[in-house]
Amino acid sequence: MAYETRSGYTGKLECPFYYSKLLKKNVYTKVEIEPEFPGGEAAYQRFLNKNLLITEDPNDDVTSLPIPKMNFIVDTDGQIINPCIDSKYDTTQFNCLEKAAWRLIKKMPRWQPGVCEGKEVAVEITRPVAICLLWKTE
């Protein structure tokens, strides 16, 4: 199958997927046109910069924590569904960086859905939350 990406590249690609019993639908792991945050990558970065808030937790040494990975599905209507952080769903087990990533997912607007064979499909997304800590000194 031939396809054209949002960046204009044309080529051939298969669209692998798995069936989610929870969602009762196919969820694609690679598609011809990837889901896109409204306004593109630059708008996504602005959203992260504006909405990422890390609250201190005395039990967490923020500088030694791994970078959390956000996992979620962009549904056919662009809605974010089935979110998790580093394959964890239990928010009581999150460290402060994972909690910040969870809040980001919950604030996200609808995305432009992914496309396979000309049809909008549900697509699994994994994105790291790149965090640059700035310490405020008085």
C-alpha atoms as a PDB file:
ATOM      1  CA  MET A   1       0.000   0.000   0.000  1.00  0.00           C
ATOM      2  CA  ALA A   2       1.289   3.477  -0.824  1.00  0.00           C
ATOM      3  CA  TYR A   3       0.941   6.307   1.645  1.00  0.00           C
ATOM      4  CA  GLU A   4       1.862   9.907   2.237  1.00  0.00           C
ATOM      5  CA  THR A   5       2.850  11.176   5.679  1.00  0.00           C
ATOM      6  CA  ARG A   6       2.069  14.620   7.031  1.00  0.00           C
ATOM      7  CA  SER A   7       5.644  15.544   6.150  1.00  0.00           C
ATOM      8  CA  GLY A   8       5.052  14.527   2.513  1.00  0.00           C
ATOM      9  CA  TYR A   9       7.094  11.282   2.338  1.00  0.00           C
ATOM     10  CA  THR A  10       5.490   8.637   0.131  1.00  0.00           C
ATOM     11  CA  GLY A  11       6.264   4.936   0.518  1.00  0.00           C
ATOM     12  CA  LYS A  12       4.914   1.566   1.565  1.00  0.00           C
ATOM     13  CA  LEU A  13       4.089   0.475   5.083  1.00  0.00           C
ATOM     14  CA  GLU A  14       2.166  -2.303   6.768  1.00  0.00           C
ATOM     15  CA  CYS A  15       0.036  -1.362   9.748  1.00  0.00           C
ATOM     16  CA  PRO A  16       0.635  -3.898  12.541  1.00  0.00           C
ATOM     17  CA  PHE A  17      -1.985  -4.036  15.288  1.00  0.00           C
ATOM     18  CA  TYR A  18      -3.246  -6.083  18.217  1.00  0.00           C
ATOM     19  CA  TYR A  19      -6.777  -6.639  19.433  1.00  0.00           C
ATOM     20  CA  SER A  20      -7.544  -4.993  22.790  1.00  0.00           C
ATOM     21  CA  LYS A  21     -10.151  -6.976  24.716  1.00  0.00           C
ATOM     22  CA  LEU A  22     -10.544  -4.037  27.110  1.00  0.00           C
ATOM     23  CA  LEU A  23     -11.306  -1.574  24.317  1.00  0.00           C
ATOM     24  CA  LYS A  24     -12.934  -4.182  22.036  1.00  0.00           C
ATOM     25  CA  LYS A  25     -11.062  -2.907  18.982  1.00  0.00           C
ATOM     26  CA  ASN A  26      -7.820  -3.155  17.047  1.00  0.00           C
ATOM     27  CA  VAL A  27      -5.036  -0.917  18.312  1.00  0.00           C
ATOM     28  CA  TYR A  28      -2.305  -0.135  15.802  1.00  0.00           C
ATOM     29  CA  THR A  29       1.359   0.128  16.734  1.00  0.00           C
ATOM     30  CA  LYS A  30       2.564   1.629  13.439  1.00  0.00           C
ATOM     31  CA  VAL A  31       0.493   3.500  10.890  1.00  0.00           C
ATOM     32  CA  GLU A  32       0.844   5.364   7.622  1.00  0.00           C
ATOM     33  CA  ILE A  33       0.096   8.737   9.241  1.00  0.00           C
ATOM     34  CA  GLU A  34       0.967   9.000  12.925  1.00  0.00           C
ATOM     35  CA  PRO A  35      -1.395  10.726  15.363  1.00  0.00           C
ATOM     36  CA  GLU A  36      -0.469  14.363  15.829  1.00  0.00           C
ATOM     37  CA  PHE A  37      -0.897  16.804  18.683  1.00  0.00           C
ATOM     38  CA  PRO A  38      -3.048  19.769  17.546  1.00  0.00           C
ATOM     39  CA  GLY A  39      -0.658  22.302  16.035  1.00  0.00           C
ATOM     40  CA  GLY A  40       2.166  19.785  15.586  1.00  0.00           C
ATOM     41  CA  GLU A  41       5.344  19.020  17.489  1.00  0.00           C
ATOM     42  CA  ALA A  42       6.107  22.646  18.383  1.00  0.00           C
ATOM     43  CA  ALA A  43       2.649  23.013  19.958  1.00  0.00           C
ATOM     44  CA  TYR A  44       3.206  19.733  21.841  1.00  0.00           C
ATOM     45  CA  GLN A  45       6.471  21.071  23.283  1.00  0.00           C
ATOM     46  CA  ARG A  46       4.775  24.332  24.296  1.00  0.00           C
ATOM     47  CA  PHE A  47       2.010  22.304  25.967  1.00  0.00           C
ATOM     48  CA  LEU A  48       4.599  20.308  27.947  1.00  0.00           C
ATOM     49  CA  ASN A  49       6.505  23.433  28.973  1.00  0.00           C
ATOM     50  CA  LYS A  50       3.340  25.216  30.081  1.00  0.00           C
ATOM     51  CA  ASN A  51       1.663  22.307  31.891  1.00  0.00           C
ATOM     52  CA  LEU A  52       4.457  20.239  33.430  1.00  0.00           C
ATOM     53  CA  LEU A  53       4.384  20.828  37.156  1.00  0.00           C
ATOM     54  CA  ILE A  54       6.512  18.708  39.447  1.00  0.00           C
ATOM     55  CA  THR A  55       5.493  18.825  43.070  1.00  0.00           C
ATOM     56  CA  GLU A  56       8.176  17.875  45.519  1.00  0.00           C
ATOM     57  CA  ASP A  57       7.886  14.633  47.401  1.00  0.00           C
ATOM     58  CA  PRO A  58      10.197  14.146  50.387  1.00  0.00           C
ATOM     59  CA  ASN A  59      10.462  10.447  49.479  1.00  0.00           C
ATOM     60  CA  ASP A  60      11.772  11.121  45.962  1.00  0.00           C
ATOM     61  CA  ASP A  61      15.212  12.334  44.945  1.00  0.00           C
ATOM     62  CA  VAL A  62      14.116  13.961  41.681  1.00  0.00           C
ATOM     63  CA  THR A  63      17.634  14.046  40.248  1.00  0.00           C
ATOM     64  CA  SER A  64      18.006  10.242  40.455  1.00  0.00           C
ATOM     65  CA  LEU A  65      14.595   9.259  39.075  1.00  0.00           C
ATOM     66  CA  PRO A  66      14.344   7.766  35.578  1.00  0.00           C
ATOM     67  CA  ILE A  67      12.590   9.752  32.847  1.00  0.00           C
ATOM     68  CA  PRO A  68       8.979   8.572  32.784  1.00  0.00           C
ATOM     69  CA  LYS A  69       7.427   7.263  29.576  1.00  0.00           C
ATOM     70  CA  MET A  70       3.814   8.131  28.834  1.00  0.00           C
ATOM     71  CA  ASN A  71       1.827   5.366  27.148  1.00  0.00           C
ATOM     72  CA  PHE A  72      -1.629   6.034  25.775  1.00  0.00           C
ATOM     73  CA  ILE A  73      -3.891   5.323  22.839  1.00  0.00           C
ATOM     74  CA  VAL A  74      -5.113   8.016  20.469  1.00  0.00           C
ATOM     75  CA  ASP A  75      -8.572   6.790  19.530  1.00  0.00           C
ATOM     76  CA  THR A  76     -10.267   7.228  16.146  1.00  0.00           C
ATOM     77  CA  ASP A  77     -11.837  10.498  17.354  1.00  0.00           C
ATOM     78  CA  GLY A  78      -8.499  11.797  18.720  1.00  0.00           C
ATOM     79  CA  GLN A  79      -9.398  11.202  22.361  1.00  0.00           C
ATOM     80  CA  ILE A  80      -6.646   9.979  24.704  1.00  0.00           C
ATOM     81  CA  ILE A  81      -7.642   6.625  26.214  1.00  0.00           C
ATOM     82  CA  ASN A  82      -6.075   3.894  28.359  1.00  0.00           C
ATOM     83  CA  PRO A  83      -3.188   6.012  29.710  1.00  0.00           C
ATOM     84  CA  CYS A  84      -0.384   4.613  31.839  1.00  0.00           C
ATOM     85  CA  ILE A  85       3.098   5.654  32.910  1.00  0.00           C
ATOM     86  CA  ASP A  86       5.951   3.176  32.459  1.00  0.00           C
ATOM     87  CA  SER A  87       3.340   0.384  32.147  1.00  0.00           C
ATOM     88  CA  LYS A  88       1.871   1.309  35.549  1.00  0.00           C
ATOM     89  CA  TYR A  89      -1.799   2.145  35.993  1.00  0.00           C
ATOM     90  CA  ASP A  90      -1.918   2.452  39.799  1.00  0.00           C
ATOM     91  CA  THR A  91      -1.362   6.148  40.479  1.00  0.00           C
ATOM     92  CA  THR A  92      -0.699   5.472  44.175  1.00  0.00           C
ATOM     93  CA  GLN A  93       2.577   3.827  43.128  1.00  0.00           C
ATOM     94  CA  PHE A  94       3.825   6.796  41.055  1.00  0.00           C
ATOM     95  CA  ASN A  95       6.836   8.865  42.033  1.00  0.00           C
ATOM     96  CA  CYS A  96       6.638  12.664  41.655  1.00  0.00           C
ATOM     97  CA  LEU A  97       7.831  12.650  38.002  1.00  0.00           C
ATOM     98  CA  GLU A  98       5.332   9.955  37.047  1.00  0.00           C
ATOM     99  CA  LYS A  99       2.562  11.936  38.771  1.00  0.00           C
ATOM    100  CA  ALA A 100       3.538  14.992  36.706  1.00  0.00           C
ATOM    101  CA  ALA A 101       3.419  12.919  33.496  1.00  0.00           C
ATOM    102  CA  TRP A 102      -0.004  11.523  34.478  1.00  0.00           C
ATOM    103  CA  ARG A 103      -1.356  15.048  34.975  1.00  0.00           C
ATOM    104  CA  LEU A 104      -0.029  15.979  31.509  1.00  0.00           C
ATOM    105  CA  ILE A 105      -1.892  13.105  29.867  1.00  0.00           C
ATOM    106  CA  LYS A 106      -5.103  14.039  31.647  1.00  0.00           C
ATOM    107  CA  LYS A 107      -4.822  17.663  30.419  1.00  0.00           C
ATOM    108  CA  MET A 108      -4.090  16.802  26.777  1.00  0.00           C
ATOM    109  CA  PRO A 109      -6.570  17.926  24.147  1.00  0.00           C
ATOM    110  CA  ARG A 110      -7.788  15.598  21.420  1.00  0.00           C
ATOM    111  CA  TRP A 111      -5.131  14.714  18.840  1.00  0.00           C
ATOM    112  CA  GLN A 112      -5.476  14.255  15.103  1.00  0.00           C
ATOM    113  CA  PRO A 113      -5.978  10.479  14.866  1.00  0.00           C
ATOM    114  CA  GLY A 114      -3.643   8.125  13.054  1.00  0.00           C
ATOM    115  CA  VAL A 115      -4.478   6.798   9.602  1.00  0.00           C
ATOM    116  CA  CYS A 116      -4.013   3.364   8.038  1.00  0.00           C
ATOM    117  CA  GLU A 117      -5.249   2.544   4.528  1.00  0.00           C
ATOM    118  CA  GLY A 118      -7.109   5.844   4.434  1.00  0.00           C
ATOM    119  CA  LYS A 119      -9.092   5.130   7.620  1.00  0.00           C
ATOM    120  CA  GLU A 120      -8.698   6.748  11.043  1.00  0.00           C
ATOM    121  CA  VAL A 121      -7.577   4.096  13.536  1.00  0.00           C
ATOM    122  CA  ALA A 122      -6.705   3.805  17.240  1.00  0.00           C
ATOM    123  CA  VAL A 123      -2.919   4.062  17.696  1.00  0.00           C
ATOM    124  CA  GLU A 124      -0.720   3.231  20.682  1.00  0.00           C
ATOM    125  CA  ILE A 125       1.733   6.020  21.549  1.00  0.00           C
ATOM    126  CA  THR A 126       4.781   5.965  23.824  1.00  0.00           C
ATOM    127  CA  ARG A 127       6.516   9.237  24.560  1.00  0.00           C
ATOM    128  CA  PRO A 128       9.179  10.076  27.131  1.00  0.00           C
ATOM    129  CA  VAL A 129       8.677  13.164  29.244  1.00  0.00           C
ATOM    130  CA  ALA A 130      11.958  15.030  28.833  1.00  0.00           C
ATOM    131  CA  ILE A 131      12.414  17.099  31.956  1.00  0.00           C
ATOM    132  CA  CYS A 132      14.932  19.846  32.505  1.00  0.00           C
ATOM    133  CA  LEU A 133      15.017  20.839  36.165  1.00  0.00           C
ATOM    134  CA  LEU A 134      15.798  24.422  37.023  1.00  0.00           C
ATOM    135  CA  TRP A 135      16.516  25.075  40.665  1.00  0.00           C
ATOM    136  CA  LYS A 136      15.308  28.368  42.019  1.00  0.00           C
ATOM    137  CA  THR A 137      17.620  30.029  44.481  1.00  0.00           C
ATOM    138  CA  GLU A 138      16.764  33.000  46.565  1.00  0.00           C
END
